[in-house]
C-alpha atoms as a PDB file:
ATOM      1  CA  LEU A   1      14.640-162.101  27.645  1.00  0.00           C
ATOM      2  CA  ALA A   2      12.857-164.709  29.172  1.00  0.00           C
ATOM      3  CA  LEU A   3      14.524-167.534  27.045  1.00  0.00           C
ATOM      4  CA  SER A   4      17.976-166.152  27.627  1.00  0.00           C
ATOM      5  CA  ARG A   5      17.368-165.981  31.300  1.00  0.00           C
ATOM      6  CA  ALA A   6      16.626-169.113  31.379  1.00  0.00           C
ATOM      7  CA  GLY A   7      20.224-170.344  29.511  1.00  0.00           C
ATOM      8  CA  ALA A   8      18.569-171.071  26.262  1.00  0.00           C
ATOM      9  CA  ASP A   9      20.738-169.530  23.021  1.00  0.00           C
ATOM     10  CA  VAL A  10      18.425-166.601  21.480  1.00  0.00           C
ATOM     11  CA  ALA A  11      19.399-165.313  17.956  1.00  0.00           C
ATOM     12  CA  VAL A  12      16.770-162.209  16.884  1.00  0.00           C
ATOM     13  CA  TYR A  13      17.000-161.509  13.340  1.00  0.00           C
ATOM     14  CA  GLU A  14      15.810-158.267  11.598  1.00  0.00           C
ATOM     15  CA  GLN A  15      15.406-157.848   7.832  1.00  0.00           C
ATOM     16  CA  ALA A  16      15.232-154.149   7.882  1.00  0.00           C
ATOM     17  CA  PRO A  17      18.370-152.318   6.695  1.00  0.00           C
ATOM     18  CA  ALA A  18      18.176-150.022   9.667  1.00  0.00           C
ATOM     19  CA  ARG A  19      15.775-149.504  13.250  1.00  0.00           C
ATOM     20  CA  GLY A  20      13.534-146.925  12.980  1.00  0.00           C
ATOM     21  CA  GLU A  21      10.105-146.055  13.142  1.00  0.00           C
ATOM     22  CA  VAL A  22       7.522-147.700  10.442  1.00  0.00           C
ATOM     23  CA  GLY A  23       4.534-145.335  11.834  1.00  0.00           C
ATOM     24  CA  ALA A  24       2.655-148.774  13.695  1.00  0.00           C
ATOM     25  CA  GLY A  25       2.112-149.354  17.511  1.00  0.00           C
ATOM     26  CA  ILE A  26       1.540-152.775  19.063  1.00  0.00           C
ATOM     27  CA  THR A  27      -0.742-153.043  21.941  1.00  0.00           C
ATOM     28  CA  MET A  28      -0.599-154.995  25.165  1.00  0.00           C
ATOM     29  CA  SER A  29      -3.153-156.311  27.658  1.00  0.00           C
ATOM     30  CA  PRO A  30      -2.282-156.178  31.042  1.00  0.00           C
ATOM     31  CA  ASN A  31      -1.085-159.532  31.106  1.00  0.00           C
ATOM     32  CA  ALA A  32       1.308-159.213  28.890  1.00  0.00           C
ATOM     33  CA  SER A  33       2.548-155.810  30.448  1.00  0.00           C
ATOM     34  CA  ARG A  34       2.875-157.418  33.793  1.00  0.00           C
ATOM     35  CA  ILE A  35       5.555-160.018  32.638  1.00  0.00           C
ATOM     36  CA  LEU A  36       7.832-157.621  30.645  1.00  0.00           C
ATOM     37  CA  ILE A  37       7.589-155.633  34.095  1.00  0.00           C
ATOM     38  CA  HIS A  38       9.147-159.002  36.297  1.00  0.00           C
ATOM     39  CA  LEU A  39      11.352-159.325  33.445  1.00  0.00           C
ATOM     40  CA  GLY A  40      13.055-156.093  34.886  1.00  0.00           C
ATOM     41  CA  LEU A  41      11.442-153.865  31.632  1.00  0.00           C
ATOM     42  CA  GLY A  42       9.031-151.771  33.813  1.00  0.00           C
ATOM     43  CA  ASP A  43      11.222-148.340  33.898  1.00  0.00           C
ATOM     44  CA  ALA A  44      11.375-148.458  30.215  1.00  0.00           C
ATOM     45  CA  LEU A  45       6.901-149.559  29.846  1.00  0.00           C
ATOM     46  CA  GLU A  46       7.417-146.367  31.453  1.00  0.00           C
ATOM     47  CA  ARG A  47       9.333-143.897  29.885  1.00  0.00           C
ATOM     48  CA  LEU A  48       8.369-144.883  25.950  1.00  0.00           C
ATOM     49  CA  GLY A  49       5.158-146.152  26.443  1.00  0.00           C
ATOM     50  CA  PHE A  50       2.005-144.785  25.970  1.00  0.00           C
ATOM     51  CA  VAL A  51      -1.583-145.197  27.181  1.00  0.00           C
ATOM     52  CA  PRO A  52      -4.301-144.334  25.328  1.00  0.00           C
ATOM     53  CA  GLY A  53      -7.520-142.798  26.324  1.00  0.00           C
ATOM     54  CA  ARG A  54      -9.715-145.230  23.829  1.00  0.00           C
ATOM     55  CA  GLN A  55      -9.030-148.268  21.967  1.00  0.00           C
ATOM     56  CA  TRP A  56     -10.027-149.255  18.222  1.00  0.00           C
ATOM     57  CA  THR A  57      -9.857-152.495  17.029  1.00  0.00           C
ATOM     58  CA  GLN A  58     -10.869-152.232  13.454  1.00  0.00           C
ATOM     59  CA  HIS A  59     -11.031-155.557  10.219  1.00  0.00           C
ATOM     60  CA  TRP A  60      -7.502-155.543   9.034  1.00  0.00           C
ATOM     61  CA  GLN A  61      -9.295-155.009   4.769  1.00  0.00           C
ATOM     62  CA  SER A  62     -12.487-152.987   4.923  1.00  0.00           C
ATOM     63  CA  GLY A  63     -11.220-150.493   8.123  1.00  0.00           C
ATOM     64  CA  ALA A  64     -14.758-150.842   9.857  1.00  0.00           C
ATOM     65  CA  VAL A  65     -14.735-150.171  13.495  1.00  0.00           C
ATOM     66  CA  LEU A  66     -15.552-153.685  15.305  1.00  0.00           C
ATOM     67  CA  MET A  67     -14.744-152.782  18.831  1.00  0.00           C
ATOM     68  CA  GLU A  68     -14.011-149.294  20.824  1.00  0.00           C
ATOM     69  CA  ALA A  69     -13.378-148.983  24.534  1.00  0.00           C
ATOM     70  CA  ASP A  70     -12.331-146.052  27.014  1.00  0.00           C
END
């Protein structure tokens, strides 16, 4: 969106045959959220987003919890 608004010719490609939930989420930092809000996506974030009460960071292979935070 930012590149398009800056005049870049942008194309987005997806290899999945259809859009849908895949069971994964995206955790975004407050700084990333601020950028999306600045781009006019704040209402969508409020409507579709979720603020977790607790966050875990796990090792990609073992699943061991590396960090927990409220």
